[in-house]
Amino acid sequence: MKKWALTCTTSFVLLTSSVQAETPVDTLLQSYQSAGATHFSAEAGKTLWFKSFPGKDGQRSCTTCHGENLTQAGKHATTGKTIQAMAPSVNKKRLMQVKKMNKWFKRNCKWTLGRECTAQEKGDLLSFLRTQ
């Protein structure tokens, strides 16, 4: 009986450890794959980050507000409001809340690309951002 209890406890601890190791980014990447996205590429995310799209007031890219150096603060193109650094290496709050990431992907993709990002694009962008 004691051996069974030890095995169950060990299994529970290992299962709990693996669940805790999953990050919010991992959760989103899994959901994007469930939506049909394939292998995510940080390089494709970087390309998308710097790509320009036509907007009402000229060309737009992610860098328009967030800047080219993700370790530094950006500035909202319309309001001038400071946007904290996107790089998780210097801003530990970045990429930590699924709800916020979903909100900002929806809003920023519509403003920048003129449409919502696909699951593939979101996964590629997250793959790029998590390397910063």
C-alpha atoms as a PDB file:
ATOM      1  CA  MET A   1       0.000   0.000   0.000  1.00  0.00           C
ATOM      2  CA  LYS A   2       2.826   2.408   0.828  1.00  0.00           C
ATOM      3  CA  LYS A   3       4.536   1.724  -2.502  1.00  0.00           C
ATOM      4  CA  TRP A   4       1.301   2.614  -4.369  1.00  0.00           C
ATOM      5  CA  ALA A   5       0.939   5.874  -2.385  1.00  0.00           C
ATOM      6  CA  LEU A   6       4.546   6.819  -3.190  1.00  0.00           C
ATOM      7  CA  THR A   7       4.000   6.134  -6.893  1.00  0.00           C
ATOM      8  CA  CYS A   8       0.813   8.224  -6.935  1.00  0.00           C
ATOM      9  CA  THR A   9       2.507  11.082  -5.097  1.00  0.00           C
ATOM     10  CA  THR A  10       5.506  11.011  -7.437  1.00  0.00           C
ATOM     11  CA  SER A  11       3.243  10.971 -10.487  1.00  0.00           C
ATOM     12  CA  PHE A  12       1.231  13.894  -9.130  1.00  0.00           C
ATOM     13  CA  VAL A  13       4.379  15.932  -8.432  1.00  0.00           C
ATOM     14  CA  LEU A  14       5.750  15.255 -11.923  1.00  0.00           C
ATOM     15  CA  LEU A  15       2.423  16.133 -13.534  1.00  0.00           C
ATOM     16  CA  THR A  16       2.129  19.308 -11.470  1.00  0.00           C
ATOM     17  CA  SER A  17       5.700  20.310 -12.372  1.00  0.00           C
ATOM     18  CA  SER A  18       5.057  19.918 -16.088  1.00  0.00           C
ATOM     19  CA  VAL A  19       1.842  21.944 -15.881  1.00  0.00           C
ATOM     20  CA  GLN A  20       3.575  24.735 -13.975  1.00  0.00           C
ATOM     21  CA  ALA A  21       6.416  24.813 -16.522  1.00  0.00           C
ATOM     22  CA  GLU A  22       3.989  25.743 -19.326  1.00  0.00           C
ATOM     23  CA  THR A  23       4.005  29.472 -19.975  1.00  0.00           C
ATOM     24  CA  PRO A  24       1.136  31.639 -21.227  1.00  0.00           C
ATOM     25  CA  VAL A  25       2.938  31.785 -24.584  1.00  0.00           C
ATOM     26  CA  ASP A  26       3.023  27.973 -24.728  1.00  0.00           C
ATOM     27  CA  THR A  27      -0.714  27.924 -24.029  1.00  0.00           C
ATOM     28  CA  LEU A  28      -1.403  30.327 -26.887  1.00  0.00           C
ATOM     29  CA  LEU A  29       0.916  28.512 -29.290  1.00  0.00           C
ATOM     30  CA  GLN A  30      -0.932  25.274 -28.585  1.00  0.00           C
ATOM     31  CA  SER A  31      -4.267  26.968 -29.228  1.00  0.00           C
ATOM     32  CA  TYR A  32      -2.961  28.393 -32.523  1.00  0.00           C
ATOM     33  CA  GLN A  33      -1.835  24.920 -33.591  1.00  0.00           C
ATOM     34  CA  SER A  34      -5.301  23.612 -32.723  1.00  0.00           C
ATOM     35  CA  ALA A  35      -6.660  26.328 -35.014  1.00  0.00           C
ATOM     36  CA  GLY A  36      -4.585  24.973 -37.909  1.00  0.00           C
ATOM     37  CA  ALA A  37      -1.250  26.767 -37.620  1.00  0.00           C
ATOM     38  CA  THR A  38       1.889  24.762 -38.320  1.00  0.00           C
ATOM     39  CA  HIS A  39       5.518  25.120 -37.210  1.00  0.00           C
ATOM     40  CA  PHE A  40       6.139  28.592 -35.780  1.00  0.00           C
ATOM     41  CA  SER A  41       9.118  30.602 -36.898  1.00  0.00           C
ATOM     42  CA  ALA A  42      10.793  33.427 -34.995  1.00  0.00           C
ATOM     43  CA  GLU A  43      12.317  34.538 -38.320  1.00  0.00           C
ATOM     44  CA  ALA A  44       8.863  34.763 -39.940  1.00  0.00           C
ATOM     45  CA  GLY A  45       7.679  36.695 -36.872  1.00  0.00           C
ATOM     46  CA  LYS A  46      10.591  39.106 -37.212  1.00  0.00           C
ATOM     47  CA  THR A  47       9.776  39.646 -40.886  1.00  0.00           C
ATOM     48  CA  LEU A  48       6.138  40.357 -40.018  1.00  0.00           C
ATOM     49  CA  TRP A  49       7.191  42.695 -37.172  1.00  0.00           C
ATOM     50  CA  PHE A  50       9.150  44.907 -39.571  1.00  0.00           C
ATOM     51  CA  LYS A  51       6.823  44.631 -42.601  1.00  0.00           C
ATOM     52  CA  SER A  52       4.914  47.757 -43.647  1.00  0.00           C
ATOM     53  CA  PHE A  53       1.208  47.766 -44.438  1.00  0.00           C
ATOM     54  CA  PRO A  54      -0.878  50.591 -45.908  1.00  0.00           C
ATOM     55  CA  GLY A  55      -2.970  52.518 -43.398  1.00  0.00           C
ATOM     56  CA  LYS A  56      -5.275  55.520 -43.488  1.00  0.00           C
ATOM     57  CA  ASP A  57      -2.424  57.800 -42.499  1.00  0.00           C
ATOM     58  CA  GLY A  58       0.457  56.168 -44.392  1.00  0.00           C
ATOM     59  CA  GLN A  59       2.488  52.999 -43.959  1.00  0.00           C
ATOM     60  CA  ARG A  60       2.288  51.098 -40.654  1.00  0.00           C
ATOM     61  CA  SER A  61       4.240  48.316 -39.047  1.00  0.00           C
ATOM     62  CA  CYS A  62       4.594  46.969 -35.534  1.00  0.00           C
ATOM     63  CA  THR A  63       7.631  49.248 -35.250  1.00  0.00           C
ATOM     64  CA  THR A  64       5.455  52.328 -35.817  1.00  0.00           C
ATOM     65  CA  CYS A  65       4.476  52.229 -32.138  1.00  0.00           C
ATOM     66  CA  HIS A  66       6.768  49.635 -30.555  1.00  0.00           C
ATOM     67  CA  GLY A  67      10.000  50.760 -32.226  1.00  0.00           C
ATOM     68  CA  GLU A  68      12.712  48.708 -33.878  1.00  0.00           C
ATOM     69  CA  ASN A  69      14.573  47.978 -30.637  1.00  0.00           C
ATOM     70  CA  LEU A  70      12.213  45.891 -28.537  1.00  0.00           C
ATOM     71  CA  THR A  71      14.346  46.367 -25.408  1.00  0.00           C
ATOM     72  CA  GLN A  72      13.374  50.040 -25.352  1.00  0.00           C
ATOM     73  CA  ALA A  73      10.037  51.743 -24.786  1.00  0.00           C
ATOM     74  CA  GLY A  74       7.901  52.662 -27.775  1.00  0.00           C
ATOM     75  CA  LYS A  75       5.424  55.447 -28.332  1.00  0.00           C
ATOM     76  CA  HIS A  76       1.836  55.192 -29.574  1.00  0.00           C
ATOM     77  CA  ALA A  77       1.628  56.802 -33.016  1.00  0.00           C
ATOM     78  CA  THR A  78      -1.652  58.612 -32.341  1.00  0.00           C
ATOM     79  CA  THR A  79      -1.711  59.402 -28.619  1.00  0.00           C
ATOM     80  CA  GLY A  80       2.022  59.658 -27.963  1.00  0.00           C
ATOM     81  CA  LYS A  81       1.556  57.448 -24.904  1.00  0.00           C
ATOM     82  CA  THR A  82       4.657  55.500 -23.842  1.00  0.00           C
ATOM     83  CA  ILE A  83       4.529  51.773 -24.510  1.00  0.00           C
ATOM     84  CA  GLN A  84       6.801  49.734 -22.269  1.00  0.00           C
ATOM     85  CA  ALA A  85       9.479  47.583 -23.904  1.00  0.00           C
ATOM     86  CA  MET A  86       8.136  44.483 -25.644  1.00  0.00           C
ATOM     87  CA  ALA A  87      11.203  42.338 -24.936  1.00  0.00           C
ATOM     88  CA  PRO A  88      10.515  39.912 -22.073  1.00  0.00           C
ATOM     89  CA  SER A  89      14.253  39.991 -21.329  1.00  0.00           C
ATOM     90  CA  VAL A  90      13.883  43.545 -19.977  1.00  0.00           C
ATOM     91  CA  ASN A  91      10.156  43.680 -19.218  1.00  0.00           C
ATOM     92  CA  LYS A  92       9.192  40.653 -17.130  1.00  0.00           C
ATOM     93  CA  LYS A  93       5.480  41.524 -17.405  1.00  0.00           C
ATOM     94  CA  ARG A  94       5.465  40.942 -21.166  1.00  0.00           C
ATOM     95  CA  LEU A  95       3.903  37.769 -22.534  1.00  0.00           C
ATOM     96  CA  MET A  96       2.574  36.731 -19.133  1.00  0.00           C
ATOM     97  CA  GLN A  97      -1.210  37.105 -19.515  1.00  0.00           C
ATOM     98  CA  VAL A  98      -3.161  35.246 -22.194  1.00  0.00           C
ATOM     99  CA  LYS A  99      -6.125  37.621 -21.944  1.00  0.00           C
ATOM    100  CA  LYS A 100      -3.924  40.682 -22.546  1.00  0.00           C
ATOM    101  CA  MET A 101      -2.062  39.054 -25.425  1.00  0.00           C
ATOM    102  CA  ASN A 102      -5.357  38.165 -27.117  1.00  0.00           C
ATOM    103  CA  LYS A 103      -6.688  41.700 -26.601  1.00  0.00           C
ATOM    104  CA  TRP A 104      -3.611  43.403 -28.028  1.00  0.00           C
ATOM    105  CA  PHE A 105      -3.223  40.994 -30.936  1.00  0.00           C
ATOM    106  CA  LYS A 106      -6.790  41.723 -31.974  1.00  0.00           C
ATOM    107  CA  ARG A 107      -6.477  45.490 -31.650  1.00  0.00           C
ATOM    108  CA  ASN A 108      -2.955  45.891 -33.016  1.00  0.00           C
ATOM    109  CA  CYS A 109      -3.348  43.491 -35.946  1.00  0.00           C
ATOM    110  CA  LYS A 110      -6.479  45.331 -37.071  1.00  0.00           C
ATOM    111  CA  TRP A 111      -4.710  48.693 -36.845  1.00  0.00           C
ATOM    112  CA  THR A 112      -1.435  47.571 -38.412  1.00  0.00           C
ATOM    113  CA  LEU A 113      -2.438  44.934 -40.978  1.00  0.00           C
ATOM    114  CA  GLY A 114      -5.983  46.170 -41.537  1.00  0.00           C
ATOM    115  CA  ARG A 115      -7.336  42.792 -40.418  1.00  0.00           C
ATOM    116  CA  GLU A 116      -6.992  40.294 -37.600  1.00  0.00           C
ATOM    117  CA  CYS A 117      -3.799  38.242 -37.609  1.00  0.00           C
ATOM    118  CA  THR A 118      -4.049  34.579 -38.478  1.00  0.00           C
ATOM    119  CA  ALA A 119      -3.163  31.917 -35.925  1.00  0.00           C
ATOM    120  CA  GLN A 120       0.065  31.329 -37.877  1.00  0.00           C
ATOM    121  CA  GLU A 121       1.015  35.019 -37.766  1.00  0.00           C
ATOM    122  CA  LYS A 122       0.306  35.265 -34.036  1.00  0.00           C
ATOM    123  CA  GLY A 123       2.393  32.165 -33.364  1.00  0.00           C
ATOM    124  CA  ASP A 124       5.264  33.471 -35.462  1.00  0.00           C
ATOM    125  CA  LEU A 125       5.116  36.868 -33.732  1.00  0.00           C
ATOM    126  CA  LEU A 126       5.086  35.273 -30.272  1.00  0.00           C
ATOM    127  CA  SER A 127       7.998  33.046 -31.271  1.00  0.00           C
ATOM    128  CA  PHE A 128       9.935  36.160 -32.298  1.00  0.00           C
ATOM    129  CA  LEU A 129       8.964  38.212 -29.249  1.00  0.00           C
ATOM    130  CA  ARG A 130       9.920  35.524 -26.754  1.00  0.00           C
ATOM    131  CA  THR A 131      13.492  35.576 -28.168  1.00  0.00           C
ATOM    132  CA  GLN A 132      13.917  39.270 -27.398  1.00  0.00           C
END
